[in-house]
Amino acid sequence: MARMRRKCDLPTKVCAACGRPFAWRRKWAADWDAVCYCSDRCRATARRPKKRQGPDT
């Protein structure tokens, strides 16, 4: 019988976009080292160019 893991026992990382910690997920098992963002929203935000502001007057 498989042993149940608690969420606090799983490895965690900090999201590169929002700075929040997130835990390992089974779908990330193959490439956990390459995972940088906690969600699709954070990945999209990080790829979006920042708005340029006009010159200060």
PDB file of N, CA and C in Angstrom:
ATOM      1  N   MET A   1       0.841  -1.183   0.000  1.00  0.00           N
ATOM      2  CA  MET A   1       0.000   0.000   0.000  1.00  0.00           C
ATOM      3  C   MET A   1       0.888   1.250   0.000  1.00  0.00           C
ATOM      4  N   ALA A   2       0.529   2.218  -0.807  1.00  0.00           N
ATOM      5  CA  ALA A   2       1.324   3.436  -0.947  1.00  0.00           C
ATOM      6  C   ALA A   2       1.189   4.309   0.298  1.00  0.00           C
ATOM      7  N   ARG A   3       2.277   4.921   0.662  1.00  0.00           N
ATOM      8  CA  ARG A   3       2.289   5.812   1.811  1.00  0.00           C
ATOM      9  C   ARG A   3       1.822   7.195   1.377  1.00  0.00           C
ATOM     10  N   MET A   4       0.909   7.762   2.107  1.00  0.00           N
ATOM     11  CA  MET A   4       0.413   9.100   1.794  1.00  0.00           C
ATOM     12  C   MET A   4       1.431  10.134   2.274  1.00  0.00           C
ATOM     13  N   ARG A   5       1.663  11.126   1.456  1.00  0.00           N
ATOM     14  CA  ARG A   5       2.559  12.215   1.827  1.00  0.00           C
ATOM     15  C   ARG A   5       1.748  13.431   2.216  1.00  0.00           C
ATOM     16  N   ARG A   6       2.254  14.129   3.184  1.00  0.00           N
ATOM     17  CA  ARG A   6       1.636  15.399   3.550  1.00  0.00           C
ATOM     18  C   ARG A   6       2.264  16.504   2.713  1.00  0.00           C
ATOM     19  N   LYS A   7       1.514  17.546   2.468  1.00  0.00           N
ATOM     20  CA  LYS A   7       2.002  18.631   1.626  1.00  0.00           C
ATOM     21  C   LYS A   7       3.256  19.286   2.213  1.00  0.00           C
ATOM     22  N   CYS A   8       3.339  19.320   3.528  1.00  0.00           N
ATOM     23  CA  CYS A   8       4.509  19.941   4.154  1.00  0.00           C
ATOM     24  C   CYS A   8       5.775  19.109   3.953  1.00  0.00           C
ATOM     25  N   ASP A   9       5.635  17.835   3.570  1.00  0.00           N
ATOM     26  CA  ASP A   9       6.795  16.974   3.326  1.00  0.00           C
ATOM     27  C   ASP A   9       7.334  17.098   1.905  1.00  0.00           C
ATOM     28  N   LEU A  10       6.598  17.753   1.014  1.00  0.00           N
ATOM     29  CA  LEU A  10       7.016  17.879  -0.379  1.00  0.00           C
ATOM     30  C   LEU A  10       8.016  19.015  -0.547  1.00  0.00           C
ATOM     31  N   PRO A  11       8.885  18.927  -1.561  1.00  0.00           N
ATOM     32  CA  PRO A  11       9.825  20.028  -1.800  1.00  0.00           C
ATOM     33  C   PRO A  11       9.089  21.284  -2.262  1.00  0.00           C
ATOM     34  N   THR A  12       9.652  22.434  -1.956  1.00  0.00           N
ATOM     35  CA  THR A  12       9.039  23.699  -2.352  1.00  0.00           C
ATOM     36  C   THR A  12      10.055  24.575  -3.071  1.00  0.00           C
ATOM     37  N   LYS A  13       9.532  25.561  -3.802  1.00  0.00           N
ATOM     38  CA  LYS A  13      10.324  26.581  -4.485  1.00  0.00           C
ATOM     39  C   LYS A  13       9.612  27.906  -4.323  1.00  0.00           C
ATOM     40  N   VAL A  14      10.282  28.979  -4.696  1.00  0.00           N
ATOM     41  CA  VAL A  14       9.692  30.312  -4.673  1.00  0.00           C
ATOM     42  C   VAL A  14       9.464  30.736  -6.115  1.00  0.00           C
ATOM     43  N   CYS A  15       8.273  31.233  -6.413  1.00  0.00           N
ATOM     44  CA  CYS A  15       7.913  31.653  -7.765  1.00  0.00           C
ATOM     45  C   CYS A  15       8.762  32.843  -8.192  1.00  0.00           C
ATOM     46  N   ALA A  16       9.275  32.798  -9.419  1.00  0.00           N
ATOM     47  CA  ALA A  16      10.127  33.865  -9.941  1.00  0.00           C
ATOM     48  C   ALA A  16       9.339  35.136 -10.245  1.00  0.00           C
ATOM     49  N   ALA A  17       8.031  35.018 -10.441  1.00  0.00           N
ATOM     50  CA  ALA A  17       7.222  36.187 -10.799  1.00  0.00           C
ATOM     51  C   ALA A  17       6.591  36.855  -9.578  1.00  0.00           C
ATOM     52  N   CYS A  18       5.939  36.065  -8.724  1.00  0.00           N
ATOM     53  CA  CYS A  18       5.197  36.656  -7.610  1.00  0.00           C
ATOM     54  C   CYS A  18       5.909  36.530  -6.267  1.00  0.00           C
ATOM     55  N   GLY A  19       6.904  35.652  -6.172  1.00  0.00           N
ATOM     56  CA  GLY A  19       7.663  35.519  -4.941  1.00  0.00           C
ATOM     57  C   GLY A  19       7.027  34.633  -3.885  1.00  0.00           C
ATOM     58  N   ARG A  20       5.918  33.994  -4.198  1.00  0.00           N
ATOM     59  CA  ARG A  20       5.255  33.114  -3.235  1.00  0.00           C
ATOM     60  C   ARG A  20       5.827  31.702  -3.320  1.00  0.00           C
ATOM     61  N   PRO A  21       5.851  30.991  -2.192  1.00  0.00           N
ATOM     62  CA  PRO A  21       6.317  29.606  -2.236  1.00  0.00           C
ATOM     63  C   PRO A  21       5.247  28.696  -2.838  1.00  0.00           C
ATOM     64  N   PHE A  22       5.690  27.653  -3.552  1.00  0.00           N
ATOM     65  CA  PHE A  22       4.758  26.659  -4.077  1.00  0.00           C
ATOM     66  C   PHE A  22       5.378  25.285  -3.944  1.00  0.00           C
ATOM     67  N   ALA A  23       4.521  24.276  -3.844  1.00  0.00           N
ATOM     68  CA  ALA A  23       4.969  22.909  -3.578  1.00  0.00           C
ATOM     69  C   ALA A  23       5.016  22.075  -4.851  1.00  0.00           C
ATOM     70  N   TRP A  24       5.793  21.013  -4.777  1.00  0.00           N
ATOM     71  CA  TRP A  24       5.939  20.043  -5.860  1.00  0.00           C
ATOM     72  C   TRP A  24       4.587  19.466  -6.233  1.00  0.00           C
ATOM     73  N   ARG A  25       4.381  19.235  -7.527  1.00  0.00           N
ATOM     74  CA  ARG A  25       3.163  18.580  -8.015  1.00  0.00           C
ATOM     75  C   ARG A  25       3.562  17.406  -8.887  1.00  0.00           C
ATOM     76  N   ARG A  26       2.731  16.393  -8.929  1.00  0.00           N
ATOM     77  CA  ARG A  26       3.060  15.194  -9.691  1.00  0.00           C
ATOM     78  C   ARG A  26       3.295  15.497 -11.166  1.00  0.00           C
ATOM     79  N   LYS A  27       2.542  16.443 -11.741  1.00  0.00           N
ATOM     80  CA  LYS A  27       2.711  16.756 -13.165  1.00  0.00           C
ATOM     81  C   LYS A  27       4.061  17.414 -13.451  1.00  0.00           C
ATOM     82  N   TRP A  28       4.729  17.934 -12.402  1.00  0.00           N
ATOM     83  CA  TRP A  28       6.045  18.535 -12.571  1.00  0.00           C
ATOM     84  C   TRP A  28       7.173  17.565 -12.252  1.00  0.00           C
ATOM     85  N   ALA A  29       6.871  16.308 -12.003  1.00  0.00           N
ATOM     86  CA  ALA A  29       7.877  15.332 -11.562  1.00  0.00           C
ATOM     87  C   ALA A  29       9.015  15.186 -12.560  1.00  0.00           C
ATOM     88  N   ALA A  30       8.718  15.189 -13.845  1.00  0.00           N
ATOM     89  CA  ALA A  30       9.737  14.964 -14.868  1.00  0.00           C
ATOM     90  C   ALA A  30      10.702  16.143 -15.001  1.00  0.00           C
ATOM     91  N   ASP A  31      10.223  17.369 -14.758  1.00  0.00           N
ATOM     92  CA  ASP A  31      11.081  18.537 -14.960  1.00  0.00           C
ATOM     93  C   ASP A  31      11.017  19.528 -13.797  1.00  0.00           C
ATOM     94  N   TRP A  32      11.039  19.027 -12.579  1.00  0.00           N
ATOM     95  CA  TRP A  32      10.946  19.876 -11.391  1.00  0.00           C
ATOM     96  C   TRP A  32      12.082  20.903 -11.348  1.00  0.00           C
ATOM     97  N   ASP A  33      13.263  20.535 -11.826  1.00  0.00           N
ATOM     98  CA  ASP A  33      14.385  21.473 -11.809  1.00  0.00           C
ATOM     99  C   ASP A  33      14.159  22.668 -12.733  1.00  0.00           C
ATOM    100  N   ALA A  34      13.352  22.488 -13.771  1.00  0.00           N
ATOM    101  CA  ALA A  34      13.105  23.561 -14.733  1.00  0.00           C
ATOM    102  C   ALA A  34      11.901  24.431 -14.368  1.00  0.00           C
ATOM    103  N   VAL A  35      11.108  24.024 -13.394  1.00  0.00           N
ATOM    104  CA  VAL A  35       9.906  24.777 -13.014  1.00  0.00           C
ATOM    105  C   VAL A  35      10.318  26.034 -12.257  1.00  0.00           C
ATOM    106  N   CYS A  36       9.842  27.191 -12.735  1.00  0.00           N
ATOM    107  CA  CYS A  36      10.192  28.470 -12.112  1.00  0.00           C
ATOM    108  C   CYS A  36       8.974  29.250 -11.623  1.00  0.00           C
ATOM    109  N   TYR A  37       7.814  28.951 -12.172  1.00  0.00           N
ATOM    110  CA  TYR A  37       6.616  29.731 -11.877  1.00  0.00           C
ATOM    111  C   TYR A  37       5.545  28.847 -11.247  1.00  0.00           C
ATOM    112  N   CYS A  38       4.743  29.414 -10.360  1.00  0.00           N
ATOM    113  CA  CYS A  38       3.725  28.653  -9.647  1.00  0.00           C
ATOM    114  C   CYS A  38       2.475  28.409 -10.476  1.00  0.00           C
ATOM    115  N   SER A  39       2.264  29.208 -11.530  1.00  0.00           N
ATOM    116  CA  SER A  39       1.037  29.065 -12.305  1.00  0.00           C
ATOM    117  C   SER A  39       1.242  29.579 -13.726  1.00  0.00           C
ATOM    118  N   ASP A  40       0.270  29.294 -14.576  1.00  0.00           N
ATOM    119  CA  ASP A  40       0.304  29.816 -15.941  1.00  0.00           C
ATOM    120  C   ASP A  40       0.205  31.339 -15.940  1.00  0.00           C
ATOM    121  N   ARG A  41      -0.541  31.879 -15.005  1.00  0.00           N
ATOM    122  CA  ARG A  41      -0.694  33.333 -14.923  1.00  0.00           C
ATOM    123  C   ARG A  41       0.652  34.009 -14.625  1.00  0.00           C
ATOM    124  N   CYS A  42       1.412  33.450 -13.702  1.00  0.00           N
ATOM    125  CA  CYS A  42       2.725  34.024 -13.387  1.00  0.00           C
ATOM    126  C   CYS A  42       3.684  33.878 -14.566  1.00  0.00           C
ATOM    127  N   ARG A  43       3.617  32.766 -15.271  1.00  0.00           N
ATOM    128  CA  ARG A  43       4.475  32.580 -16.443  1.00  0.00           C
ATOM    129  C   ARG A  43       4.144  33.610 -17.505  1.00  0.00           C
ATOM    130  N   ALA A  44       2.854  33.868 -17.744  1.00  0.00           N
ATOM    131  CA  ALA A  44       2.437  34.846 -18.748  1.00  0.00           C
ATOM    132  C   ALA A  44       2.832  36.259 -18.326  1.00  0.00           C
ATOM    133  N   THR A  45       2.713  36.565 -17.046  1.00  0.00           N
ATOM    134  CA  THR A  45       3.077  37.884 -16.543  1.00  0.00           C
ATOM    135  C   THR A  45       4.568  38.128 -16.707  1.00  0.00           C
ATOM    136  N   ALA A  46       5.368  37.105 -16.467  1.00  0.00           N
ATOM    137  CA  ALA A  46       6.819  37.257 -16.567  1.00  0.00           C
ATOM    138  C   ALA A  46       7.261  37.457 -18.013  1.00  0.00           C
ATOM    139  N   ARG A  47       6.563  36.865 -18.954  1.00  0.00           N
ATOM    140  CA  ARG A  47       6.926  36.990 -20.369  1.00  0.00           C
ATOM    141  C   ARG A  47       6.455  38.289 -20.987  1.00  0.00           C
ATOM    142  N   ARG A  48       5.418  38.898 -20.401  1.00  0.00           N
ATOM    143  CA  ARG A  48       4.859  40.132 -20.942  1.00  0.00           C
ATOM    144  C   ARG A  48       5.828  41.280 -20.706  1.00  0.00           C
ATOM    145  N   PRO A  49       6.122  42.062 -21.736  1.00  0.00           N
ATOM    146  CA  PRO A  49       7.022  43.206 -21.521  1.00  0.00           C
ATOM    147  C   PRO A  49       6.362  44.235 -20.600  1.00  0.00           C
ATOM    148  N   LYS A  50       7.167  44.846 -19.769  1.00  0.00           N
ATOM    149  CA  LYS A  50       6.652  45.845 -18.840  1.00  0.00           C
ATOM    150  C   LYS A  50       6.311  47.122 -19.593  1.00  0.00           C
ATOM    151  N   LYS A  51       5.273  47.821 -19.114  1.00  0.00           N
ATOM    152  CA  LYS A  51       4.863  49.058 -19.746  1.00  0.00           C
ATOM    153  C   LYS A  51       5.910  50.125 -19.505  1.00  0.00           C
ATOM    154  N   ARG A  52       6.229  50.836 -20.561  1.00  0.00           N
ATOM    155  CA  ARG A  52       7.197  51.918 -20.441  1.00  0.00           C
ATOM    156  C   ARG A  52       6.482  53.182 -20.009  1.00  0.00           C
ATOM    157  N   GLN A  53       7.067  53.882 -19.082  1.00  0.00           N
ATOM    158  CA  GLN A  53       6.492  55.132 -18.632  1.00  0.00           C
ATOM    159  C   GLN A  53       7.194  56.286 -19.330  1.00  0.00           C
ATOM    160  N   GLY A  54       6.494  57.360 -19.478  1.00  0.00           N
ATOM    161  CA  GLY A  54       7.058  58.525 -20.131  1.00  0.00           C
ATOM    162  C   GLY A  54       8.133  59.185 -19.289  1.00  0.00           C
ATOM    163  N   PRO A  55       8.832  60.159 -19.849  1.00  0.00           N
ATOM    164  CA  PRO A  55       9.880  60.849 -19.093  1.00  0.00           C
ATOM    165  C   PRO A  55       9.288  61.636 -17.932  1.00  0.00           C
ATOM    166  N   ASP A  56      10.025  61.663 -16.831  1.00  0.00           N
ATOM    167  CA  ASP A  56       9.562  62.415 -15.680  1.00  0.00           C
ATOM    168  C   ASP A  56       9.710  63.914 -15.939  1.00  0.00           C
ATOM    169  N   THR A  57       8.701  64.654 -15.553  1.00  0.00           N
ATOM    170  CA  THR A  57       8.755  66.116 -15.762  1.00  0.00           C
ATOM    171  C   THR A  57       8.736  66.849 -14.463  1.00  0.00           C
TER     172      THR A  57
END
